[in-house]
C-alpha atoms as a PDB file:
ATOM      1  CA  MET A   1      -9.823 -13.426   3.424  1.00  0.00           C
ATOM      2  CA  ILE A   2      -9.924 -11.687   0.125  1.00  0.00           C
ATOM      3  CA  ASN A   3     -11.966 -13.833  -2.743  1.00  0.00           C
ATOM      4  CA  PRO A   4      -9.506 -14.579  -5.474  1.00  0.00           C
ATOM      5  CA  GLN A   5     -12.225 -13.756  -7.982  1.00  0.00           C
ATOM      6  CA  LEU A   6     -12.859 -10.708  -7.055  1.00  0.00           C
ATOM      7  CA  ASP A   7      -9.386  -9.829  -6.260  1.00  0.00           C
ATOM      8  CA  ALA A   8      -8.633 -10.667 -10.039  1.00  0.00           C
ATOM      9  CA  TYR A   9     -11.610  -8.671 -11.091  1.00  0.00           C
ATOM     10  CA  ILE A  10     -10.705  -5.732  -9.380  1.00  0.00           C
ATOM     11  CA  LYS A  11      -7.345  -5.768 -10.774  1.00  0.00           C
ATOM     12  CA  SER A  12      -8.218  -6.531 -14.302  1.00  0.00           C
ATOM     13  CA  GLU A  13     -10.901  -3.171 -13.907  1.00  0.00           C
ATOM     14  CA  ARG A  14      -8.171  -1.134 -12.803  1.00  0.00           C
ATOM     15  CA  GLU A  15      -5.968  -2.133 -15.594  1.00  0.00           C
ATOM     16  CA  LYS A  16      -9.102  -0.958 -17.982  1.00  0.00           C
ATOM     17  CA  GLY A  17      -8.783   2.882 -16.221  1.00  0.00           C
ATOM     18  CA  LYS A  18     -11.443   2.442 -14.148  1.00  0.00           C
ATOM     19  CA  SER A  19     -11.649   4.468 -11.005  1.00  0.00           C
ATOM     20  CA  ASP A  20     -12.125   2.387  -7.649  1.00  0.00           C
ATOM     21  CA  GLN A  21     -15.308   3.967  -6.994  1.00  0.00           C
ATOM     22  CA  GLU A  22     -16.800   3.084 -10.395  1.00  0.00           C
ATOM     23  CA  ILE A  23     -15.111  -0.631  -9.774  1.00  0.00           C
ATOM     24  CA  ALA A  24     -16.556  -0.586  -6.237  1.00  0.00           C
ATOM     25  CA  SER A  25     -20.101   0.805  -7.278  1.00  0.00           C
ATOM     26  CA  ALA A  26     -20.547  -1.835 -10.026  1.00  0.00           C
ATOM     27  CA  LEU A  27     -19.636  -4.747  -7.244  1.00  0.00           C
ATOM     28  CA  VAL A  28     -21.851  -3.472  -4.676  1.00  0.00           C
ATOM     29  CA  THR A  29     -24.863  -3.084  -7.234  1.00  0.00           C
ATOM     30  CA  ALA A  30     -24.084  -6.713  -8.011  1.00  0.00           C
ATOM     31  CA  GLY A  31     -24.749  -7.818  -5.008  1.00  0.00           C
ATOM     32  CA  TRP A  32     -21.198  -7.913  -3.347  1.00  0.00           C
ATOM     33  CA  PRO A  33     -21.565  -6.945   0.450  1.00  0.00           C
ATOM     34  CA  GLN A  34     -19.949  -3.640   0.969  1.00  0.00           C
ATOM     35  CA  ALA A  35     -17.140  -4.926   3.424  1.00  0.00           C
ATOM     36  CA  ASP A  36     -15.834  -7.548   1.185  1.00  0.00           C
ATOM     37  CA  VAL A  37     -15.058  -4.988  -1.339  1.00  0.00           C
ATOM     38  CA  SER A  38     -13.701  -2.553   0.534  1.00  0.00           C
ATOM     39  CA  ASN A  39     -11.376  -4.984   2.454  1.00  0.00           C
ATOM     40  CA  ALA A  40     -10.825  -6.148  -1.524  1.00  0.00           C
ATOM     41  CA  MET A  41      -9.653  -2.927  -2.428  1.00  0.00           C
ATOM     42  CA  MET A  42      -7.462  -1.870   0.299  1.00  0.00           C
ATOM     43  CA  PRO A  43      -4.108  -1.567  -0.282  1.00  0.00           C
ATOM     44  CA  ALA A  44      -1.626  -4.371   0.607  1.00  0.00           C
ATOM     45  CA  GLY A  45      -0.424  -4.511   4.066  1.00  0.00           C
ATOM     46  CA  GLN A  46      -3.269  -2.844   5.654  1.00  0.00           C
ATOM     47  CA  VAL A  47      -5.319  -4.479   7.960  1.00  0.00           C
ATOM     48  CA  PRO A  48      -8.985  -4.611   7.772  1.00  0.00           C
ATOM     49  CA  PRO A  49     -11.253  -4.126  10.577  1.00  0.00           C
ATOM     50  CA  PRO A  50     -12.671  -6.885  12.101  1.00  0.00           C
ATOM     51  CA  PRO A  51     -15.937  -8.264  10.541  1.00  0.00           C
ATOM     52  CA  ALA A  52     -19.386  -7.508  12.183  1.00  0.00           C
ATOM     53  CA  PRO A  53     -20.714 -11.017  13.761  1.00  0.00           C
ATOM     54  CA  ALA A  54     -23.053 -12.642  11.741  1.00  0.00           C
ATOM     55  CA  PRO A  55     -26.665 -13.153  12.956  1.00  0.00           C
ATOM     56  CA  ALA A  56     -27.751 -16.140  14.298  1.00  0.00           C
ATOM     57  CA  PHE A  57     -29.933 -18.045  12.004  1.00  0.00           C
ATOM     58  CA  PRO A  58     -31.581 -21.426  12.423  1.00  0.00           C
ATOM     59  CA  PRO A  59     -30.091 -24.521  10.219  1.00  0.00           C
ATOM     60  CA  ILE A  60     -31.613 -25.081   7.044  1.00  0.00           C
ATOM     61  CA  PRO A  61     -33.748 -28.153   7.368  1.00  0.00           C
ATOM     62  CA  GLN A  62     -32.649 -31.267   5.723  1.00  0.00           C
ATOM     63  CA  SER A  63     -36.081 -32.095   3.766  1.00  0.00           C
ATOM     64  CA  VAL A  64     -36.094 -28.331   2.247  1.00  0.00           C
ATOM     65  CA  PRO A  65     -33.617 -27.834  -0.696  1.00  0.00           C
ATOM     66  CA  ALA A  66     -31.925 -24.916  -1.303  1.00  0.00           C
ATOM     67  CA  GLN A  67     -33.119 -22.660  -4.166  1.00  0.00           C
ATOM     68  CA  PRO A  68     -30.891 -21.527  -6.695  1.00  0.00           C
ATOM     69  CA  GLN A  69     -29.740 -17.666  -6.455  1.00  0.00           C
ATOM     70  CA  THR A  70     -31.084 -15.482  -9.266  1.00  0.00           C
ATOM     71  CA  GLY A  71     -30.554 -11.520 -10.094  1.00  0.00           C
ATOM     72  CA  ASN A  72     -29.849  -9.326 -12.927  1.00  0.00           C
ATOM     73  CA  PRO A  73     -27.436 -10.451 -15.261  1.00  0.00           C
ATOM     74  CA  LEU A  74     -23.822  -9.470 -14.114  1.00  0.00           C
ATOM     75  CA  PRO A  75     -21.353  -7.880 -16.199  1.00  0.00           C
ATOM     76  CA  GLN A  76     -18.798  -9.869 -18.231  1.00  0.00           C
ATOM     77  CA  GLY A  77     -15.895 -11.231 -16.076  1.00  0.00           C
ATOM     78  CA  MET A  78     -17.615 -10.148 -12.934  1.00  0.00           C
ATOM     79  CA  PRO A  79     -17.742 -13.118 -10.340  1.00  0.00           C
ATOM     80  CA  SER A  80     -21.212 -13.804  -8.673  1.00  0.00           C
ATOM     81  CA  ALA A  81     -21.975 -12.295  -5.175  1.00  0.00           C
ATOM     82  CA  PRO A  82     -22.217 -14.500  -2.378  1.00  0.00           C
ATOM     83  CA  PRO A  83     -26.020 -15.551  -1.158  1.00  0.00           C
ATOM     84  CA  PRO A  84     -27.493 -12.442   1.215  1.00  0.00           C
ATOM     85  CA  GLY A  85     -26.949 -13.956   5.007  1.00  0.00           C
ATOM     86  CA  GLY A  86     -30.502 -13.085   6.081  1.00  0.00           C
ATOM     87  CA  ALA A  87     -32.358 -14.990   3.305  1.00  0.00           C
ATOM     88  CA  MET A  88     -33.796 -18.479   4.271  1.00  0.00           C
ATOM     89  CA  PRO A  89     -34.415 -20.537   1.477  1.00  0.00           C
ATOM     90  CA  TRP A  90     -37.612 -21.992   2.889  1.00  0.00           C
ATOM     91  CA  GLN A  91     -38.795 -18.465   3.234  1.00  0.00           C
ATOM     92  CA  SER A  92     -41.255 -17.009   0.497  1.00  0.00           C
ATOM     93  CA  PRO A  93     -41.379 -13.173   0.003  1.00  0.00           C
ATOM     94  CA  ASN A  94     -45.185 -13.165   1.430  1.00  0.00           C
ATOM     95  CA  GLN A  95     -44.916 -15.452   4.368  1.00  0.00           C
ATOM     96  CA  ALA A  96     -46.360 -14.052   7.566  1.00  0.00           C
ATOM     97  CA  THR A  97     -44.024 -13.375  10.406  1.00  0.00           C
ATOM     98  CA  PRO A  98     -44.404 -15.397  13.143  1.00  0.00           C
ATOM     99  CA  GLY A  99     -46.404 -14.041  15.937  1.00  0.00           C
ATOM    100  CA  GLN A 100     -48.515 -11.733  13.346  1.00  0.00           C
ATOM    101  CA  PRO A 101     -52.363 -12.341  13.475  1.00  0.00           C
ATOM    102  CA  ALA A 102     -52.552 -11.226   9.586  1.00  0.00           C
ATOM    103  CA  ILE A 103     -52.628 -14.093   7.539  1.00  0.00           C
ATOM    104  CA  ALA A 104     -51.119 -13.623   4.127  1.00  0.00           C
ATOM    105  CA  GLY A 105     -51.842 -15.604   0.903  1.00  0.00           C
ATOM    106  CA  PHE A 106     -54.262 -18.509   1.027  1.00  0.00           C
ATOM    107  CA  THR A 107     -52.558 -21.100   2.644  1.00  0.00           C
ATOM    108  CA  MET A 108     -54.854 -22.721   5.216  1.00  0.00           C
ATOM    109  CA  ASP A 109     -52.011 -22.189   7.754  1.00  0.00           C
ATOM    110  CA  ALA A 110     -52.853 -23.059  11.720  1.00  0.00           C
ATOM    111  CA  ASN A 111     -54.610 -19.300  12.171  1.00  0.00           C
ATOM    112  CA  ALA A 112     -56.808 -19.708   8.956  1.00  0.00           C
ATOM    113  CA  LYS A 113     -57.782 -23.331  10.126  1.00  0.00           C
ATOM    114  CA  ASN A 114     -58.719 -21.746  13.941  1.00  0.00           C
ATOM    115  CA  ILE A 115     -60.485 -18.905  12.472  1.00  0.00           C
ATOM    116  CA  VAL A 116     -62.945 -20.773  10.140  1.00  0.00           C
ATOM    117  CA  LEU A 117     -63.231 -23.509  12.620  1.00  0.00           C
ATOM    118  CA  ASN A 118     -64.185 -21.100  15.566  1.00  0.00           C
ATOM    119  CA  SER A 119     -66.359 -19.269  12.923  1.00  0.00           C
ATOM    120  CA  ILE A 120     -68.297 -22.495  11.990  1.00  0.00           C
ATOM    121  CA  LYS A 121     -68.752 -23.454  15.782  1.00  0.00           C
ATOM    122  CA  TRP A 122     -70.549 -20.012  16.734  1.00  0.00           C
ATOM    123  CA  TYR A 123     -72.509 -20.052  13.945  1.00  0.00           C
ATOM    124  CA  ALA A 124     -73.924 -23.673  14.567  1.00  0.00           C
ATOM    125  CA  ILE A 125     -74.402 -22.597  18.588  1.00  0.00           C
ATOM    126  CA  ALA A 126     -76.355 -19.360  17.159  1.00  0.00           C
ATOM    127  CA  SER A 127     -78.536 -22.065  15.031  1.00  0.00           C
ATOM    128  CA  VAL A 128     -79.342 -24.524  17.858  1.00  0.00           C
ATOM    129  CA  ILE A 129     -80.373 -21.599  20.129  1.00  0.00           C
ATOM    130  CA  LEU A 130     -82.804 -20.798  17.174  1.00  0.00           C
ATOM    131  CA  SER A 131     -84.219 -24.189  16.996  1.00  0.00           C
ATOM    132  CA  VAL A 132     -84.749 -24.614  20.855  1.00  0.00           C
ATOM    133  CA  GLY A 133     -86.557 -21.200  20.534  1.00  0.00           C
ATOM    134  CA  ASP A 134     -88.961 -22.778  17.458  1.00  0.00           C
ATOM    135  CA  PHE A 135     -89.512 -25.630  19.688  1.00  0.00           C
ATOM    136  CA  LEU A 136     -90.196 -23.925  22.755  1.00  0.00           C
ATOM    137  CA  ALA A 137     -92.790 -21.506  20.522  1.00  0.00           C
ATOM    138  CA  SER A 138     -94.299 -24.600  18.863  1.00  0.00           C
ATOM    139  CA  MET A 139     -95.092 -26.067  22.414  1.00  0.00           C
ATOM    140  CA  THR A 140     -96.689 -23.292  23.872  1.00  0.00           C
ATOM    141  CA  ALA A 141     -99.083 -21.976  20.673  1.00  0.00           C
ATOM    142  CA  SER A 142    -102.491 -20.832  21.413  1.00  0.00           C
ATOM    143  CA  PRO A 143    -104.835 -23.696  20.713  1.00  0.00           C
ATOM    144  CA  THR A 144    -106.754 -21.261  18.729  1.00  0.00           C
ATOM    145  CA  SER A 145    -104.090 -20.245  16.904  1.00  0.00           C
ATOM    146  CA  LEU A 146    -103.223 -20.595  13.019  1.00  0.00           C
ATOM    147  CA  TYR A 147    -100.080 -22.727  14.095  1.00  0.00           C
ATOM    148  CA  SER A 148    -102.611 -25.031  16.322  1.00  0.00           C
ATOM    149  CA  GLN A 149    -105.005 -25.018  12.834  1.00  0.00           C
ATOM    150  CA  ALA A 150    -101.945 -25.735  10.468  1.00  0.00           C
ATOM    151  CA  SER A 151    -100.874 -28.669  13.279  1.00  0.00           C
ATOM    152  CA  TYR A 152    -104.445 -30.204  12.791  1.00  0.00           C
ATOM    153  CA  LEU A 153    -104.521 -29.991   9.199  1.00  0.00           C
ATOM    154  CA  SER A 154    -101.019 -31.781   8.646  1.00  0.00           C
ATOM    155  CA  ARG A 155    -102.515 -34.490  11.275  1.00  0.00           C
ATOM    156  CA  LEU A 156    -105.327 -34.782   9.341  1.00  0.00           C
ATOM    157  CA  TYR A 157    -103.998 -35.010   5.577  1.00  0.00           C
ATOM    158  CA  GLY A 158    -101.408 -37.125   6.748  1.00  0.00           C
ATOM    159  CA  ARG A 159     -98.516 -34.664   5.526  1.00  0.00           C
ATOM    160  CA  PRO A 160     -95.452 -33.460   6.941  1.00  0.00           C
ATOM    161  CA  GLU A 161     -95.439 -30.608   9.501  1.00  0.00           C
ATOM    162  CA  SER A 162     -92.589 -28.669   7.507  1.00  0.00           C
ATOM    163  CA  GLU A 163     -95.225 -28.511   4.620  1.00  0.00           C
ATOM    164  CA  PHE A 164     -97.283 -25.975   6.940  1.00  0.00           C
ATOM    165  CA  GLY A 165     -94.393 -23.798   8.059  1.00  0.00           C
ATOM    166  CA  LEU A 166     -94.494 -26.159  11.459  1.00  0.00           C
ATOM    167  CA  PHE A 167     -91.160 -27.215  13.695  1.00  0.00           C
ATOM    168  CA  SER A 168     -89.920 -30.316  12.602  1.00  0.00           C
ATOM    169  CA  MET A 169     -86.684 -31.713  13.517  1.00  0.00           C
ATOM    170  CA  SER A 170     -85.577 -32.050   9.669  1.00  0.00           C
ATOM    171  CA  GLY A 171     -86.161 -28.474   9.480  1.00  0.00           C
ATOM    172  CA  ALA A 172     -84.134 -27.504  12.742  1.00  0.00           C
ATOM    173  CA  ILE A 173     -81.218 -30.033  11.388  1.00  0.00           C
ATOM    174  CA  ASN A 174     -81.192 -28.250   7.855  1.00  0.00           C
ATOM    175  CA  GLY A 175     -80.940 -24.719   9.730  1.00  0.00           C
ATOM    176  CA  ILE A 176     -77.830 -25.711  11.645  1.00  0.00           C
ATOM    177  CA  VAL A 177     -76.321 -27.338   8.443  1.00  0.00           C
ATOM    178  CA  VAL A 178     -77.015 -23.859   6.445  1.00  0.00           C
ATOM    179  CA  ASN A 179     -75.636 -21.717   9.444  1.00  0.00           C
ATOM    180  CA  ALA A 180     -72.558 -24.028   9.771  1.00  0.00           C
ATOM    181  CA  VAL A 181     -71.914 -23.539   5.866  1.00  0.00           C
ATOM    182  CA  MET A 182     -72.706 -19.741   6.333  1.00  0.00           C
ATOM    183  CA  GLY A 183     -70.001 -19.796   9.193  1.00  0.00           C
ATOM    184  CA  LEU A 184     -67.315 -21.310   6.946  1.00  0.00           C
ATOM    185  CA  ILE A 185     -67.879 -18.643   4.658  1.00  0.00           C
ATOM    186  CA  ILE A 186     -67.959 -15.971   6.673  1.00  0.00           C
ATOM    187  CA  GLY A 187     -64.585 -17.611   8.513  1.00  0.00           C
ATOM    188  CA  LEU A 188     -62.697 -17.639   5.184  1.00  0.00           C
ATOM    189  CA  VAL A 189     -63.400 -13.699   4.672  1.00  0.00           C
ATOM    190  CA  ILE A 190     -62.630 -13.108   7.972  1.00  0.00           C
ATOM    191  CA  ALA A 191     -59.351 -15.255   7.228  1.00  0.00           C
ATOM    192  CA  TYR A 192     -58.005 -13.886   4.338  1.00  0.00           C
ATOM    193  CA  ALA A 193     -60.062 -10.599   3.541  1.00  0.00           C
ATOM    194  CA  TRP A 194     -60.722  -9.153   7.115  1.00  0.00           C
ATOM    195  CA  LYS A 195     -58.322  -6.108   6.363  1.00  0.00           C
ATOM    196  CA  THR A 196     -59.795  -4.715   3.350  1.00  0.00           C
ATOM    197  CA  PHE A 197     -63.409  -6.297   4.003  1.00  0.00           C
ATOM    198  CA  TYR A 198     -64.052  -4.269   7.549  1.00  0.00           C
ATOM    199  CA  PRO A 199     -63.202  -0.982   6.732  1.00  0.00           C
ATOM    200  CA  SER A 200     -65.462  -1.276   3.763  1.00  0.00           C
ATOM    201  CA  VAL A 201     -68.301  -2.503   5.578  1.00  0.00           C
ATOM    202  CA  LYS A 202     -67.947   0.621   8.151  1.00  0.00           C
ATOM    203  CA  SER A 203     -67.721   3.088   5.353  1.00  0.00           C
ATOM    204  CA  TYR A 204     -70.821   1.761   3.481  1.00  0.00           C
ATOM    205  CA  THR A 205     -72.979   1.430   6.982  1.00  0.00           C
ATOM    206  CA  PHE A 206     -71.562   4.921   7.981  1.00  0.00           C
ATOM    207  CA  GLY A 207     -70.128   3.432  11.073  1.00  0.00           C
ATOM    208  CA  ILE A 208     -73.725   1.751  12.410  1.00  0.00           C
ATOM    209  CA  LEU A 209     -72.118  -1.566  12.019  1.00  0.00           C
ATOM    210  CA  GLY A 210     -68.432  -0.270  13.447  1.00  0.00           C
ATOM    211  CA  THR A 211     -67.665  -3.043  15.529  1.00  0.00           C
ATOM    212  CA  PRO A 212     -67.122  -6.456  14.918  1.00  0.00           C
ATOM    213  CA  PHE A 213     -69.946  -6.856  17.670  1.00  0.00           C
ATOM    214  CA  ARG A 214     -72.640  -4.463  15.948  1.00  0.00           C
ATOM    215  CA  LEU A 215     -71.641  -6.388  13.168  1.00  0.00           C
ATOM    216  CA  PHE A 216     -72.612  -9.735  13.944  1.00  0.00           C
ATOM    217  CA  PHE A 217     -75.584  -9.042  16.293  1.00  0.00           C
ATOM    218  CA  TYR A 218     -77.589  -6.222  14.610  1.00  0.00           C
ATOM    219  CA  PRO A 219     -78.877  -8.568  12.192  1.00  0.00           C
ATOM    220  CA  TYR A 220     -80.639 -10.194  14.602  1.00  0.00           C
ATOM    221  CA  VAL A 221     -82.542  -7.463  15.934  1.00  0.00           C
ATOM    222  CA  LEU A 222     -85.122  -8.669  12.740  1.00  0.00           C
ATOM    223  CA  TYR A 223     -85.979 -11.414  15.123  1.00  0.00           C
ATOM    224  CA  ILE A 224     -88.531  -8.472  16.840  1.00  0.00           C
ATOM    225  CA  PHE A 225     -90.314  -8.172  13.581  1.00  0.00           C
ATOM    226  CA  ALA A 226     -90.186 -12.461  13.735  1.00  0.00           C
ATOM    227  CA  GLY A 227     -91.996 -12.280  16.866  1.00  0.00           C
ATOM    228  CA  ILE A 228     -94.401 -10.059  16.000  1.00  0.00           C
ATOM    229  CA  GLY A 229     -95.136 -12.324  13.154  1.00  0.00           C
ATOM    230  CA  ALA A 230     -95.076 -15.469  15.615  1.00  0.00           C
ATOM    231  CA  ALA A 231     -97.555 -13.683  18.004  1.00  0.00           C
ATOM    232  CA  TRP A 232     -99.929 -13.028  15.638  1.00  0.00           C
ATOM    233  CA  ILE A 233     -99.547 -16.378  13.912  1.00  0.00           C
ATOM    234  CA  MET A 234     -98.942 -18.862  17.189  1.00  0.00           C
ATOM    235  CA  GLY A 235    -100.065 -16.510  20.228  1.00  0.00           C
ATOM    236  CA  PRO A 236     -98.303 -13.939  22.305  1.00  0.00           C
ATOM    237  CA  VAL A 237     -96.103 -16.436  24.614  1.00  0.00           C
ATOM    238  CA  SER A 238     -94.740 -17.835  21.169  1.00  0.00           C
ATOM    239  CA  GLY A 239     -93.897 -14.057  19.904  1.00  0.00           C
ATOM    240  CA  ILE A 240     -92.275 -13.293  22.990  1.00  0.00           C
ATOM    241  CA  ILE A 241     -89.779 -16.916  22.682  1.00  0.00           C
ATOM    242  CA  ILE A 242     -89.046 -16.318  19.096  1.00  0.00           C
ATOM    243  CA  VAL A 243     -88.038 -13.060  20.399  1.00  0.00           C
ATOM    244  CA  ALA A 244     -85.723 -13.997  23.223  1.00  0.00           C
ATOM    245  CA  THR A 245     -84.434 -16.982  21.676  1.00  0.00           C
ATOM    246  CA  GLY A 246     -83.609 -14.824  18.723  1.00  0.00           C
ATOM    247  CA  LEU A 247     -81.775 -12.097  20.085  1.00  0.00           C
ATOM    248  CA  GLY A 248     -80.024 -14.183  22.506  1.00  0.00           C
ATOM    249  CA  ALA A 249     -78.965 -16.348  19.792  1.00  0.00           C
ATOM    250  CA  GLY A 250     -77.567 -13.203  18.180  1.00  0.00           C
ATOM    251  CA  PHE A 251     -75.728 -12.174  20.918  1.00  0.00           C
ATOM    252  CA  VAL A 252     -74.161 -15.464  21.773  1.00  0.00           C
ATOM    253  CA  ARG A 253     -72.873 -15.386  17.917  1.00  0.00           C
ATOM    254  CA  ALA A 254     -71.704 -11.705  18.187  1.00  0.00           C
ATOM    255  CA  LYS A 255     -69.635 -12.203  21.135  1.00  0.00           C
ATOM    256  CA  GLY A 256     -67.894 -15.451  20.200  1.00  0.00           C
ATOM    257  CA  MET A 257     -67.036 -13.713  16.663  1.00  0.00           C
ATOM    258  CA  GLU A 258     -65.872 -10.438  18.445  1.00  0.00           C
ATOM    259  CA  HIS A 259     -63.530 -12.647  20.449  1.00  0.00           C
ATOM    260  CA  LEU A 260     -62.585 -14.755  17.756  1.00  0.00           C
ATOM    261  CA  ILE A 261     -61.619 -11.292  15.439  1.00  0.00           C
ATOM    262  CA  ARG A 262     -59.692  -9.312  18.585  1.00  0.00           C
ATOM    263  CA  THR A 263     -57.660 -12.559  19.098  1.00  0.00           C
ATOM    264  CA  TYR A 264     -56.103 -12.645  15.429  1.00  0.00           C
ATOM    265  CA  PHE A 265     -56.634  -8.730  14.894  1.00  0.00           C
ATOM    266  CA  PRO A 266     -55.742  -7.239  18.005  1.00  0.00           C
ATOM    267  CA  ASN A 267     -55.711  -3.681  16.244  1.00  0.00           C
ATOM    268  CA  VAL A 268     -59.397  -3.727  15.237  1.00  0.00           C
ATOM    269  CA  SER A 269     -61.534  -0.610  16.363  1.00  0.00           C
END
């Protein structure tokens, strides 16, 4: 059925001497579907071709009001074009396509929340492993080591062991909290800036940190130097424990973060 307003507009423009091509071009530019324009301009008595089946879209949720249609100003007298069939009022231009791992905008959706929570988890687990290593190293410290002497001074003066750089439960808890906060920050970076952040890291490190596993594991290689220091202060056994738990914590965190990233960004090299 031809829209009466559209039919009247076409007749008015023809009376002004405009060609059908000019009229059709103006209507299509204003947003009218090509099929509607062609049918309205068809000579009387000619049967238009059957319209293509409309795509099936989900019903508009009742809780979401339809947005008013906006666009370029129309020529005087031209009727407003109907809304495009494929546009859903609740869909914004930046809305991520369902099933896509990439996260657009700064909305904390389910994907972003899972990335952040898992990042916090793996950073906290790594911190727990490090705390266990510190505890075991303190328990196996040589009696003649500087560490044992600091422990003696702590007991002698009644001062907290943390003031002498010794292992303490409060220090371990603080370390876990700090690492959890770091995991929160890293999770937000991954959720919202990974596609721009990761290529820059690979470029500036000349490919040394060119995989997610390397990016999160290589910093823990520094625990080798921490173990050397622990061996001098606490004894060789304690030094070996510090190195082993440091590398172990790094491996666990790197594997967890790698799995997390490849789950939401499967195209990462």
